[in-house]
Amino acid sequence: MKTLYWIGGIVAAGLLVGTGVRLLGHADAQAAAPTTAPAANANTNKHGSAGGPLAGAVPAVTARAAAGSTVSGVADASSGQYQVGEQLKQSPAVTDQPYQASGKLVNGYQEIAWEALIPKDWDPMAPFKGLKLDQLTDDDPRADAALWKAKKYWKDAPVDASMEGKPVRLPGFVVSLDREGEALKEFLLVPYFGACIHVPPPPANQIIHVHSAKAVKNVRTMDAVWISGVIKVERSDSSMGASSYSMKAVSVEPYTAPDKG
């Protein structure tokens, strides 16, 4: 896959909350960059960005990534409900808004958002500072250097130490590290569809290494689930990506929208 499409995936996939990002499935696919930035989500987070920590950061590059078709076969894993790069939808009836944490206690576990795992003073866009990515081409050595710098920077992403030992509940997509279907007990939880499979891994502080207290039946890679348990600040490396948090989940359930009533 061409360097700029990888960069588009790193910057946009799932981190532009509420924005469907579709990465090109083939390196030779071509797409023209639009002259306007994609619409920003109305919600803001603790990083001061509309929608997500990287929202609107490099619109021309992320739009190039969004311009292609979905990677073949991936959308089928969610029965077409999600495309590569999309975050969980708020509900079946509200598909134009991303999941928003209610903050409620559910069986003793507090519902949190993925942003809660990111330190407030950490800038995920630091590797791209000073670069006009929308003006680079794939044969520009600065594009390749930015890609590898970003990958290392995100792999070493810092944690929020205050999360250690908290009983939490949050939803995400499964990346299996074990047998699927009837005996899944170990997996990564990621915030957007296709992460670690068809797009680069998110920052390590946006990946949770999950060990289920019991085998989870009928769950496969890219299924959307809720997990509940005590979160730990613990570094782990796997073939699918590096994670900065872990959890021994006491509950793994199919994803349904949070109750805000």
Protein backbone atom coordinates (compact mmCIF):
# COMPACT_ATOMS: atom_id res chain seq x y z
CA MET A 1 0.00 0.00 0.00
CA LYS A 2 1.38 3.43 -0.85
CA THR A 3 2.91 5.52 1.89
CA LEU A 4 0.35 8.32 1.79
CA TYR A 5 -2.55 5.90 2.01
CA TRP A 6 -0.91 4.34 5.07
CA ILE A 7 -0.52 7.80 6.56
CA GLY A 8 -4.14 8.52 5.76
CA GLY A 9 -5.09 5.35 7.58
CA ILE A 10 -2.94 6.15 10.60
CA VAL A 11 -4.33 9.66 10.88
CA ALA A 12 -7.95 8.96 10.11
CA ALA A 13 -8.99 5.38 10.76
CA GLY A 14 -11.32 5.38 13.69
CA LEU A 15 -9.80 8.44 15.34
CA LEU A 16 -12.02 10.81 13.42
CA VAL A 17 -14.99 9.96 15.58
CA GLY A 18 -18.16 9.67 13.58
CA THR A 19 -16.38 9.87 10.22
CA GLY A 20 -16.42 6.76 8.05
CA VAL A 21 -12.92 6.17 6.69
CA ARG A 22 -12.46 3.76 3.82
CA LEU A 23 -8.91 2.78 2.99
CA LEU A 24 -7.95 1.71 -0.49
CA GLY A 25 -7.59 -2.02 -0.83
CA HIS A 26 -4.94 -1.86 -3.55
CA ALA A 27 -1.75 0.13 -3.78
CA ASP A 28 -2.39 1.14 -7.39
CA ALA A 29 -5.83 2.63 -6.72
CA GLN A 30 -5.94 6.33 -7.41
CA ALA A 31 -8.12 9.00 -5.86
CA ALA A 32 -8.10 12.74 -6.25
CA ALA A 33 -7.78 14.84 -3.13
CA PRO A 34 -10.80 17.11 -2.57
CA THR A 35 -10.46 20.85 -2.12
CA THR A 36 -12.50 20.97 1.07
CA ALA A 37 -12.01 19.27 4.38
CA PRO A 38 -14.46 16.59 5.54
CA ALA A 39 -17.20 17.78 7.85
CA ALA A 40 -16.24 17.70 11.51
CA ASN A 41 -18.34 16.01 14.13
CA ALA A 42 -20.11 18.34 16.52
CA ASN A 43 -18.72 16.63 19.61
CA THR A 44 -15.41 17.63 21.17
CA ASN A 45 -13.08 15.74 23.46
CA LYS A 46 -10.48 16.57 26.05
CA HIS A 47 -7.88 17.12 23.33
CA GLY A 48 -9.85 20.09 22.03
CA SER A 49 -10.56 18.51 18.65
CA ALA A 50 -13.97 18.18 17.10
CA GLY A 51 -14.93 14.53 17.09
CA GLY A 52 -11.61 12.92 17.99
CA PRO A 53 -7.97 13.63 18.87
CA LEU A 54 -6.95 13.89 15.22
CA ALA A 55 -10.11 15.34 13.69
CA GLY A 56 -9.42 17.67 10.78
CA ALA A 57 -5.66 17.34 11.21
CA VAL A 58 -4.70 16.59 7.60
CA PRO A 59 -7.98 16.64 5.68
CA ALA A 60 -6.57 16.25 2.18
CA VAL A 61 -4.58 13.13 3.07
CA THR A 62 -7.36 11.55 5.10
CA ALA A 63 -9.82 12.28 2.32
CA ARG A 64 -7.55 10.46 -0.13
CA ALA A 65 -7.76 7.44 2.13
CA ALA A 66 -11.52 7.83 2.33
CA ALA A 67 -11.99 8.12 -1.41
CA GLY A 68 -11.50 4.44 -2.26
CA SER A 69 -13.68 1.39 -1.81
CA THR A 70 -13.74 -0.71 1.32
CA VAL A 71 -11.23 -3.53 1.61
CA SER A 72 -12.75 -6.59 0.03
CA GLY A 73 -14.56 -8.89 2.41
CA VAL A 74 -14.03 -6.90 5.59
CA ALA A 75 -17.45 -5.27 5.74
CA ASP A 76 -19.00 -8.73 5.52
CA ALA A 77 -17.60 -9.49 8.97
CA SER A 78 -20.02 -6.97 10.44
CA SER A 79 -22.89 -7.84 8.08
CA GLY A 80 -22.21 -4.55 6.35
CA GLN A 81 -22.90 -2.51 9.48
CA TYR A 82 -19.34 -1.18 9.70
CA GLN A 83 -16.70 -0.29 7.15
CA VAL A 84 -12.96 -0.20 7.67
CA GLY A 85 -12.03 2.67 9.95
CA GLU A 86 -15.47 3.28 11.43
CA GLN A 87 -16.06 3.46 15.16
CA LEU A 88 -19.04 1.93 16.94
CA LYS A 89 -22.34 3.54 16.11
CA GLN A 90 -24.40 5.13 18.84
CA SER A 91 -27.33 2.85 18.07
CA PRO A 92 -29.03 1.07 15.15
CA ALA A 93 -31.36 4.05 14.88
CA VAL A 94 -28.61 6.68 15.19
CA THR A 95 -25.96 5.61 12.69
CA ASP A 96 -24.52 9.08 11.99
CA GLN A 97 -23.15 9.47 15.52
CA PRO A 98 -20.40 7.49 17.25
CA TYR A 99 -20.68 5.70 20.55
CA GLN A 100 -20.68 8.08 23.50
CA ALA A 101 -19.97 6.82 27.00
CA SER A 102 -22.77 7.32 29.52
CA GLY A 103 -20.43 7.29 32.52
CA LYS A 104 -22.88 5.08 34.42
CA LEU A 105 -22.03 2.24 36.72
CA VAL A 106 -23.15 -1.10 35.29
CA ASN A 107 -22.82 -3.96 37.78
CA GLY A 108 -20.07 -2.03 39.55
CA TYR A 109 -18.11 -1.12 36.40
CA GLN A 110 -18.02 2.47 35.15
CA GLU A 111 -18.64 3.02 31.46
CA ILE A 112 -15.78 5.00 29.94
CA ALA A 113 -14.80 6.37 26.53
CA TRP A 114 -11.61 5.39 24.71
CA GLU A 115 -10.36 8.96 25.10
CA ALA A 116 -10.13 8.36 28.85
CA LEU A 117 -7.07 6.19 28.19
CA ILE A 118 -5.10 9.01 26.52
CA PRO A 119 -3.08 11.46 28.65
CA LYS A 120 -4.42 15.00 28.25
CA ASP A 121 -1.04 16.45 27.31
CA TRP A 122 -0.13 13.84 24.67
CA ASP A 123 -0.30 14.98 21.05
CA PRO A 124 -0.85 12.08 18.63
CA MET A 125 -0.10 14.38 15.69
CA ALA A 126 3.43 15.30 16.82
CA PRO A 127 5.20 13.17 14.15
CA PHE A 128 3.46 15.17 11.42
CA LYS A 129 4.25 18.66 12.74
CA GLY A 130 5.76 20.91 10.10
CA LEU A 131 4.80 18.64 7.20
CA LYS A 132 2.21 19.57 4.58
CA LEU A 133 1.11 16.00 4.00
CA ASP A 134 -1.47 16.92 1.40
CA GLN A 135 1.34 18.27 -0.77
CA LEU A 136 3.61 15.21 -0.56
CA THR A 137 3.87 12.39 -3.06
CA ASP A 138 4.69 8.75 -2.38
CA ASP A 139 8.21 9.12 -3.73
CA ASP A 140 8.94 11.97 -1.32
CA PRO A 141 11.32 10.63 1.37
CA ARG A 142 9.63 12.92 3.91
CA ALA A 143 6.39 10.95 3.56
CA ASP A 144 8.12 7.65 4.25
CA ALA A 145 10.04 9.15 7.18
CA ALA A 146 6.82 10.55 8.66
CA LEU A 147 5.11 7.18 8.37
CA TRP A 148 7.80 5.28 10.25
CA LYS A 149 8.20 8.03 12.82
CA ALA A 150 4.46 7.95 13.49
CA LYS A 151 4.38 4.17 13.81
CA LYS A 152 7.13 4.22 16.44
CA TYR A 153 5.61 7.22 18.22
CA TRP A 154 2.20 5.55 18.44
CA LYS A 155 3.70 2.22 19.53
CA ASP A 156 5.35 4.04 22.44
CA ALA A 157 2.25 6.09 23.28
CA PRO A 158 2.07 7.01 26.99
CA VAL A 159 -0.66 5.91 29.37
CA ASP A 160 -2.86 7.61 31.92
CA ALA A 161 -1.50 6.09 35.12
CA SER A 162 -4.65 7.09 37.02
CA MET A 163 -6.54 4.35 35.16
CA GLU A 164 -4.62 1.62 37.00
CA GLY A 165 -6.93 -0.68 38.97
CA LYS A 166 -10.19 0.99 37.95
CA PRO A 167 -13.27 -1.18 37.34
CA VAL A 168 -14.41 -0.11 33.89
CA ARG A 169 -16.71 -1.07 31.05
CA LEU A 170 -16.20 -0.07 27.43
CA PRO A 171 -17.00 -1.35 23.96
CA GLY A 172 -14.79 -2.04 20.98
CA PHE A 173 -13.89 -4.47 18.22
CA VAL A 174 -12.23 -7.84 18.80
CA VAL A 175 -8.85 -8.77 17.31
CA SER A 176 -8.45 -12.44 18.13
CA LEU A 177 -5.19 -13.77 19.57
CA ASP A 178 -6.68 -17.19 20.22
CA ARG A 179 -9.13 -19.72 18.84
CA GLU A 180 -12.31 -18.11 17.57
CA GLY A 181 -15.94 -19.10 17.75
CA GLU A 182 -16.14 -21.62 20.59
CA ALA A 183 -13.12 -21.01 22.79
CA LEU A 184 -11.87 -17.42 22.53
CA LYS A 185 -10.11 -16.35 25.73
CA GLU A 186 -7.46 -13.88 24.59
CA PHE A 187 -7.86 -10.92 22.25
CA LEU A 188 -7.10 -7.25 21.68
CA LEU A 189 -9.89 -4.71 21.97
CA VAL A 190 -9.60 -1.76 19.56
CA PRO A 191 -11.79 1.31 19.01
CA TYR A 192 -12.44 1.04 15.29
CA PHE A 193 -13.34 -1.58 12.69
CA GLY A 194 -10.42 -3.11 10.80
CA ALA A 195 -7.70 -1.93 13.21
CA CYS A 196 -4.62 -4.18 13.27
CA ILE A 197 -6.11 -6.19 10.39
CA HIS A 198 -6.55 -3.90 7.38
CA VAL A 199 -5.28 -0.59 8.73
CA PRO A 200 -2.29 0.15 10.97
CA PRO A 201 -2.73 -0.39 14.71
CA PRO A 202 -3.95 2.60 16.71
CA PRO A 203 -1.70 4.09 19.40
CA ALA A 204 -0.76 1.58 22.08
CA ASN A 205 -2.85 3.57 24.57
CA GLN A 206 -5.87 2.76 22.40
CA ILE A 207 -5.43 -1.03 22.56
CA ILE A 208 -6.42 -3.25 25.48
CA HIS A 209 -5.02 -6.79 25.80
CA VAL A 210 -7.95 -8.81 27.13
CA HIS A 211 -7.90 -12.16 28.90
CA SER A 212 -11.42 -13.44 29.46
CA ALA A 213 -12.16 -15.20 32.74
CA LYS A 214 -14.02 -17.83 30.74
CA ALA A 215 -14.10 -18.93 27.11
CA VAL A 216 -16.22 -16.63 24.97
CA LYS A 217 -18.45 -18.42 22.50
CA ASN A 218 -19.51 -17.20 19.06
CA VAL A 219 -17.14 -14.21 19.00
CA ARG A 220 -14.76 -13.64 16.11
CA THR A 221 -12.35 -10.98 14.90
CA MET A 222 -14.06 -7.61 14.33
CA ASP A 223 -17.16 -8.53 16.32
CA ALA A 224 -18.27 -5.60 18.49
CA VAL A 225 -18.41 -6.37 22.22
CA TRP A 226 -18.61 -4.81 25.66
CA ILE A 227 -15.89 -5.78 28.13
CA SER A 228 -16.05 -5.29 31.90
CA GLY A 229 -13.23 -5.74 34.37
CA VAL A 230 -10.38 -4.08 36.24
CA ILE A 231 -8.04 -2.29 33.86
CA LYS A 232 -4.29 -2.42 34.39
CA VAL A 233 -1.48 -0.31 32.98
CA GLU A 234 0.56 -3.10 31.45
CA ARG A 235 2.65 -3.19 28.30
CA SER A 236 2.17 -6.11 25.92
CA ASP A 237 3.39 -6.87 22.40
CA SER A 238 1.69 -9.26 20.02
CA SER A 239 1.79 -10.03 16.32
CA MET A 240 -1.26 -7.78 15.89
CA GLY A 241 -0.01 -4.73 17.76
CA ALA A 242 1.38 -3.26 20.96
CA SER A 243 -0.99 -2.50 23.83
CA SER A 244 -0.44 -0.31 26.90
CA TYR A 245 -3.40 -1.62 28.92
CA SER A 246 -4.65 -5.05 29.91
CA MET A 247 -7.75 -6.48 31.49
CA LYS A 248 -8.91 -9.79 32.86
CA ALA A 249 -12.48 -9.41 31.70
CA VAL A 250 -15.21 -10.77 33.93
CA SER A 251 -17.77 -10.14 31.21
CA VAL A 252 -17.66 -10.07 27.40
CA GLU A 253 -21.02 -9.28 25.80
CA PRO A 254 -22.29 -8.31 22.33
CA TYR A 255 -22.29 -4.56 21.81
CA THR A 256 -25.49 -2.62 22.31
CA ALA A 257 -25.76 1.16 22.59
CA PRO A 258 -25.32 2.61 26.10
CA ASP A 259 -28.39 3.65 28.04
CA LYS A 260 -28.32 7.39 28.71
CA GLY A 261 -31.71 7.51 30.32
